[in-house]
Amino acid sequence: MIHEILQQFKNIIYESEFLNIKKIKGLTHYKCKIQLIDGSNLRISEKWDEEQLIQYSYYWLDEKNELIVGWDNAPHYHEITSYPHHKHIQQQTKVQASNENCLEDVLDFIKQRILN
């Protein structure tokens, strides 16, 4: 499935590298790093139970590997309206609510920033 999503966004992806894929008792956990055409990169970590995404983190870093935006669904920040989905934005101490809660949403967000 990830390969199909990456194919949809090939116009902003320079290269992708799968760092780790583990399958244990019906769970699949993988990590991937995507180099983007503007020199930034996206670090992807997803855990799937069969066909359901249960845990994720997506961290978009600049060419110096400093945070631009990071999205995850770790179950903290109960006060966020999109709990457990939230994002960390560069140099902001408060986390933000997030409507981006899957890889496709995150890549669409990044694509809008890179191409506009």
N, C-alpha and C. Protein backbone atom coordinates (compact mmCIF):
# COMPACT_ATOMS: atom_id res chain seq x y z
N MET A 1 0.81 -1.20 0.00
CA MET A 1 0.00 0.00 0.00
C MET A 1 0.86 1.27 0.00
N ILE A 2 1.93 1.27 0.78
CA ILE A 2 2.78 2.47 0.82
C ILE A 2 3.37 2.76 -0.56
N HIS A 3 3.70 1.73 -1.30
CA HIS A 3 4.28 1.94 -2.63
C HIS A 3 3.30 2.67 -3.55
N GLU A 4 2.03 2.34 -3.43
CA GLU A 4 1.00 3.01 -4.23
C GLU A 4 0.87 4.48 -3.84
N ILE A 5 0.93 4.75 -2.55
CA ILE A 5 0.84 6.14 -2.08
C ILE A 5 2.05 6.93 -2.56
N LEU A 6 3.24 6.37 -2.43
CA LEU A 6 4.44 7.06 -2.88
C LEU A 6 4.39 7.33 -4.38
N GLN A 7 3.83 6.41 -5.12
CA GLN A 7 3.70 6.58 -6.57
C GLN A 7 2.83 7.80 -6.90
N GLN A 8 1.79 8.04 -6.09
CA GLN A 8 0.90 9.19 -6.30
C GLN A 8 1.64 10.52 -6.15
N PHE A 9 2.72 10.50 -5.36
CA PHE A 9 3.44 11.73 -5.05
C PHE A 9 4.86 11.73 -5.64
N LYS A 10 5.06 10.98 -6.71
CA LYS A 10 6.39 10.86 -7.29
C LYS A 10 6.94 12.19 -7.80
N ASN A 11 6.05 13.17 -8.05
CA ASN A 11 6.52 14.47 -8.53
C ASN A 11 7.22 15.29 -7.43
N ILE A 12 7.10 14.90 -6.16
CA ILE A 12 7.82 15.61 -5.09
C ILE A 12 8.87 14.72 -4.40
N ILE A 13 8.93 13.45 -4.79
CA ILE A 13 9.85 12.51 -4.14
C ILE A 13 11.09 12.30 -5.02
N TYR A 14 12.25 12.53 -4.41
CA TYR A 14 13.51 12.29 -5.11
C TYR A 14 13.89 10.81 -4.99
N GLU A 15 13.83 10.27 -3.76
CA GLU A 15 14.09 8.85 -3.55
C GLU A 15 13.50 8.41 -2.22
N SER A 16 13.27 7.12 -2.10
CA SER A 16 12.75 6.57 -0.85
C SER A 16 13.61 5.39 -0.42
N GLU A 17 13.70 5.22 0.88
CA GLU A 17 14.53 4.16 1.45
C GLU A 17 13.78 3.50 2.60
N PHE A 18 13.54 2.20 2.48
CA PHE A 18 12.92 1.48 3.58
C PHE A 18 14.00 1.09 4.57
N LEU A 19 13.85 1.53 5.80
CA LEU A 19 14.87 1.31 6.81
C LEU A 19 14.64 0.04 7.61
N ASN A 20 13.36 -0.31 7.79
CA ASN A 20 13.06 -1.46 8.63
C ASN A 20 11.62 -1.89 8.38
N ILE A 21 11.40 -3.17 8.22
CA ILE A 21 10.05 -3.73 8.12
C ILE A 21 10.00 -4.96 9.03
N LYS A 22 9.07 -4.95 9.98
CA LYS A 22 8.91 -6.08 10.90
C LYS A 22 7.46 -6.55 10.85
N LYS A 23 7.29 -7.85 10.84
CA LYS A 23 5.96 -8.45 10.91
C LYS A 23 5.94 -9.40 12.09
N ILE A 24 5.07 -9.11 13.05
CA ILE A 24 4.96 -9.93 14.26
C ILE A 24 3.50 -10.09 14.62
N LYS A 25 3.04 -11.32 14.64
CA LYS A 25 1.68 -11.66 15.08
C LYS A 25 0.60 -10.75 14.50
N GLY A 26 0.55 -10.62 13.20
CA GLY A 26 -0.48 -9.84 12.56
C GLY A 26 -0.22 -8.34 12.51
N LEU A 27 0.84 -7.90 13.17
CA LEU A 27 1.21 -6.48 13.14
C LEU A 27 2.36 -6.29 12.16
N THR A 28 2.27 -5.22 11.39
CA THR A 28 3.36 -4.85 10.49
C THR A 28 3.83 -3.47 10.88
N HIS A 29 5.12 -3.33 11.14
CA HIS A 29 5.71 -2.05 11.52
C HIS A 29 6.82 -1.75 10.52
N TYR A 30 6.73 -0.59 9.92
CA TYR A 30 7.80 -0.24 9.00
C TYR A 30 8.24 1.21 9.20
N LYS A 31 9.49 1.41 8.82
CA LYS A 31 10.08 2.75 8.85
C LYS A 31 10.67 3.02 7.48
N CYS A 32 10.50 4.25 7.05
CA CYS A 32 10.93 4.64 5.71
C CYS A 32 11.41 6.09 5.78
N LYS A 33 12.36 6.41 4.94
CA LYS A 33 12.84 7.79 4.81
C LYS A 33 12.69 8.19 3.35
N ILE A 34 12.05 9.34 3.14
CA ILE A 34 11.83 9.84 1.79
C ILE A 34 12.58 11.16 1.63
N GLN A 35 13.43 11.21 0.62
CA GLN A 35 14.08 12.46 0.25
C GLN A 35 13.16 13.18 -0.72
N LEU A 36 12.91 14.45 -0.46
CA LEU A 36 12.01 15.23 -1.30
C LEU A 36 12.80 16.13 -2.24
N ILE A 37 12.15 16.60 -3.29
CA ILE A 37 12.85 17.33 -4.35
C ILE A 37 13.42 18.67 -3.90
N ASP A 38 12.95 19.19 -2.75
CA ASP A 38 13.46 20.48 -2.26
C ASP A 38 14.61 20.32 -1.27
N GLY A 39 15.09 19.08 -1.06
CA GLY A 39 16.19 18.84 -0.13
C GLY A 39 15.73 18.43 1.26
N SER A 40 14.45 18.58 1.57
CA SER A 40 13.92 18.15 2.86
C SER A 40 13.67 16.65 2.81
N ASN A 41 13.31 16.06 3.96
CA ASN A 41 13.02 14.64 4.00
C ASN A 41 11.86 14.37 4.95
N LEU A 42 11.22 13.24 4.74
CA LEU A 42 10.11 12.81 5.58
C LEU A 42 10.47 11.47 6.18
N ARG A 43 10.43 11.40 7.52
CA ARG A 43 10.67 10.15 8.24
C ARG A 43 9.32 9.55 8.58
N ILE A 44 9.10 8.33 8.17
CA ILE A 44 7.81 7.67 8.31
C ILE A 44 7.95 6.46 9.22
N SER A 45 7.03 6.34 10.16
CA SER A 45 6.91 5.14 10.98
C SER A 45 5.43 4.83 11.10
N GLU A 46 5.06 3.63 10.68
CA GLU A 46 3.66 3.22 10.76
C GLU A 46 3.57 1.80 11.32
N LYS A 47 2.52 1.59 12.12
CA LYS A 47 2.23 0.25 12.63
C LYS A 47 0.81 -0.09 12.21
N TRP A 48 0.68 -1.22 11.53
CA TRP A 48 -0.60 -1.68 11.00
C TRP A 48 -1.02 -2.97 11.67
N ASP A 49 -2.30 -3.08 11.98
CA ASP A 49 -2.91 -4.33 12.44
C ASP A 49 -3.80 -4.78 11.29
N GLU A 50 -3.31 -5.77 10.56
CA GLU A 50 -3.97 -6.20 9.32
C GLU A 50 -4.03 -5.00 8.37
N GLU A 51 -5.23 -4.45 8.12
CA GLU A 51 -5.35 -3.32 7.19
C GLU A 51 -5.73 -2.03 7.89
N GLN A 52 -5.53 -1.97 9.19
CA GLN A 52 -5.87 -0.77 9.95
C GLN A 52 -4.60 -0.12 10.50
N LEU A 53 -4.43 1.15 10.19
CA LEU A 53 -3.31 1.92 10.74
C LEU A 53 -3.61 2.22 12.20
N ILE A 54 -2.75 1.75 13.10
CA ILE A 54 -3.01 1.94 14.52
C ILE A 54 -2.04 2.93 15.19
N GLN A 55 -0.89 3.10 14.59
CA GLN A 55 0.09 4.02 15.17
C GLN A 55 0.94 4.61 14.05
N TYR A 56 1.21 5.91 14.15
CA TYR A 56 2.03 6.53 13.13
C TYR A 56 2.82 7.70 13.69
N SER A 57 3.89 8.00 13.00
CA SER A 57 4.59 9.28 13.18
C SER A 57 5.22 9.62 11.84
N TYR A 58 5.08 10.88 11.47
CA TYR A 58 5.62 11.41 10.22
C TYR A 58 6.35 12.70 10.59
N TYR A 59 7.64 12.73 10.36
CA TYR A 59 8.41 13.92 10.70
C TYR A 59 9.09 14.47 9.47
N TRP A 60 8.65 15.68 9.09
CA TRP A 60 9.18 16.39 7.93
C TRP A 60 10.31 17.28 8.42
N LEU A 61 11.51 17.03 7.92
CA LEU A 61 12.71 17.73 8.36
C LEU A 61 13.34 18.48 7.21
N ASP A 62 13.96 19.60 7.52
CA ASP A 62 14.63 20.38 6.47
C ASP A 62 15.98 19.74 6.12
N GLU A 63 16.73 20.38 5.24
CA GLU A 63 18.00 19.81 4.78
C GLU A 63 19.04 19.70 5.89
N LYS A 64 18.83 20.39 7.01
CA LYS A 64 19.71 20.26 8.18
C LYS A 64 19.14 19.29 9.21
N ASN A 65 18.08 18.57 8.84
CA ASN A 65 17.37 17.63 9.70
C ASN A 65 16.74 18.30 10.92
N GLU A 66 16.31 19.54 10.73
CA GLU A 66 15.57 20.26 11.77
C GLU A 66 14.09 20.21 11.43
N LEU A 67 13.28 20.13 12.46
CA LEU A 67 11.85 19.94 12.30
C LEU A 67 11.17 21.06 11.52
N ILE A 68 10.37 20.67 10.55
CA ILE A 68 9.44 21.58 9.89
C ILE A 68 8.07 21.33 10.51
N VAL A 69 7.54 20.11 10.35
CA VAL A 69 6.30 19.68 10.98
C VAL A 69 6.41 18.20 11.30
N GLY A 70 5.91 17.81 12.45
CA GLY A 70 5.85 16.39 12.82
C GLY A 70 4.43 16.03 13.23
N TRP A 71 3.94 14.93 12.70
CA TRP A 71 2.59 14.46 12.99
C TRP A 71 2.69 13.12 13.70
N ASP A 72 1.83 12.89 14.71
CA ASP A 72 1.75 11.55 15.29
C ASP A 72 0.44 11.38 16.04
N ASN A 73 0.18 10.16 16.45
CA ASN A 73 -1.04 9.87 17.19
C ASN A 73 -0.74 9.23 18.54
N ALA A 74 0.40 9.60 19.14
CA ALA A 74 0.69 9.14 20.49
C ALA A 74 -0.42 9.66 21.41
N PRO A 75 -0.91 8.82 22.31
CA PRO A 75 -2.08 9.21 23.12
C PRO A 75 -1.75 10.14 24.29
N HIS A 76 -1.30 11.31 23.98
CA HIS A 76 -1.14 12.36 24.98
C HIS A 76 -1.76 13.62 24.41
N TYR A 77 -1.69 14.71 25.11
CA TYR A 77 -2.33 15.97 24.68
C TYR A 77 -3.85 15.78 24.54
N HIS A 78 -4.47 15.35 25.60
CA HIS A 78 -5.92 15.10 25.62
C HIS A 78 -6.74 16.35 25.31
N GLU A 79 -6.18 17.52 25.52
CA GLU A 79 -6.92 18.76 25.30
C GLU A 79 -7.05 19.13 23.81
N ILE A 80 -6.31 18.48 22.95
CA ILE A 80 -6.34 18.78 21.51
C ILE A 80 -7.66 18.26 20.93
N THR A 81 -8.31 19.06 20.13
CA THR A 81 -9.62 18.68 19.57
C THR A 81 -9.54 17.47 18.64
N SER A 82 -8.39 17.22 18.06
CA SER A 82 -8.25 16.08 17.16
C SER A 82 -7.61 14.86 17.86
N TYR A 83 -7.60 14.87 19.19
CA TYR A 83 -6.98 13.79 19.97
C TYR A 83 -7.34 12.42 19.40
N PRO A 84 -6.39 11.54 19.25
CA PRO A 84 -4.97 11.63 19.61
C PRO A 84 -4.09 12.23 18.51
N HIS A 85 -4.68 12.59 17.39
CA HIS A 85 -3.92 13.12 16.25
C HIS A 85 -3.48 14.56 16.54
N HIS A 86 -2.19 14.81 16.36
CA HIS A 86 -1.67 16.16 16.61
C HIS A 86 -0.40 16.38 15.79
N LYS A 87 0.02 17.65 15.74
CA LYS A 87 1.26 17.95 15.03
C LYS A 87 2.11 18.93 15.82
N HIS A 88 3.40 18.78 15.62
CA HIS A 88 4.41 19.64 16.21
C HIS A 88 4.93 20.51 15.07
N ILE A 89 4.94 21.80 15.27
CA ILE A 89 5.38 22.72 14.22
C ILE A 89 6.66 23.41 14.68
N GLN A 90 7.60 23.56 13.76
CA GLN A 90 8.91 24.12 14.09
C GLN A 90 8.81 25.34 15.00
N GLN A 91 9.64 25.33 16.01
CA GLN A 91 9.81 26.45 16.94
C GLN A 91 8.54 26.85 17.68
N GLN A 92 7.51 26.01 17.68
CA GLN A 92 6.33 26.28 18.49
C GLN A 92 6.33 25.29 19.65
N THR A 93 6.09 25.79 20.84
CA THR A 93 6.12 24.92 22.00
C THR A 93 4.81 24.16 22.20
N LYS A 94 3.71 24.73 21.69
CA LYS A 94 2.41 24.07 21.81
C LYS A 94 2.14 23.20 20.59
N VAL A 95 1.61 22.02 20.85
CA VAL A 95 1.20 21.17 19.74
C VAL A 95 -0.12 21.69 19.17
N GLN A 96 -0.40 21.32 17.95
CA GLN A 96 -1.60 21.77 17.25
C GLN A 96 -2.50 20.57 16.92
N ALA A 97 -3.79 20.84 16.79
CA ALA A 97 -4.70 19.83 16.28
C ALA A 97 -4.29 19.50 14.85
N SER A 98 -4.58 18.29 14.41
CA SER A 98 -4.16 17.88 13.08
C SER A 98 -5.28 17.16 12.34
N ASN A 99 -5.50 17.60 11.11
CA ASN A 99 -6.43 16.90 10.21
C ASN A 99 -5.69 15.88 9.35
N GLU A 100 -4.37 15.93 9.37
CA GLU A 100 -3.56 15.00 8.60
C GLU A 100 -3.25 13.80 9.50
N ASN A 101 -3.87 12.67 9.21
CA ASN A 101 -3.66 11.51 10.08
C ASN A 101 -3.36 10.21 9.32
N CYS A 102 -2.80 10.38 8.13
CA CYS A 102 -2.29 9.23 7.38
C CYS A 102 -1.23 9.75 6.41
N LEU A 103 -0.48 8.85 5.84
CA LEU A 103 0.63 9.24 4.96
C LEU A 103 0.15 10.06 3.77
N GLU A 104 -0.95 9.67 3.19
CA GLU A 104 -1.46 10.40 2.03
C GLU A 104 -1.79 11.85 2.38
N ASP A 105 -2.42 12.07 3.54
CA ASP A 105 -2.74 13.43 3.98
C ASP A 105 -1.47 14.25 4.19
N VAL A 106 -0.48 13.64 4.81
CA VAL A 106 0.78 14.34 5.10
C VAL A 106 1.51 14.69 3.81
N LEU A 107 1.58 13.75 2.88
CA LEU A 107 2.25 14.04 1.61
C LEU A 107 1.50 15.10 0.81
N ASP A 108 0.18 15.11 0.91
CA ASP A 108 -0.59 16.15 0.24
C ASP A 108 -0.28 17.52 0.85
N PHE A 109 -0.19 17.59 2.18
CA PHE A 109 0.17 18.82 2.89
C PHE A 109 1.54 19.30 2.42
N ILE A 110 2.50 18.40 2.39
CA ILE A 110 3.88 18.74 1.99
C ILE A 110 3.90 19.17 0.52
N LYS A 111 3.20 18.46 -0.32
CA LYS A 111 3.16 18.80 -1.74
C LYS A 111 2.67 20.23 -1.95
N GLN A 112 1.63 20.62 -1.21
CA GLN A 112 1.09 21.99 -1.33
C GLN A 112 2.16 23.01 -0.95
N ARG A 113 2.99 22.71 0.04
CA ARG A 113 4.03 23.65 0.48
C ARG A 113 5.19 23.70 -0.49
N ILE A 114 5.58 22.54 -1.02
CA ILE A 114 6.74 22.48 -1.92
C ILE A 114 6.43 23.10 -3.28
N LEU A 115 5.27 22.80 -3.82
CA LEU A 115 4.97 23.21 -5.19
C LEU A 115 4.34 24.58 -5.29
N ASN A 116 3.95 25.18 -4.17
CA ASN A 116 3.33 26.53 -4.22
C ASN A 116 4.24 27.58 -3.66
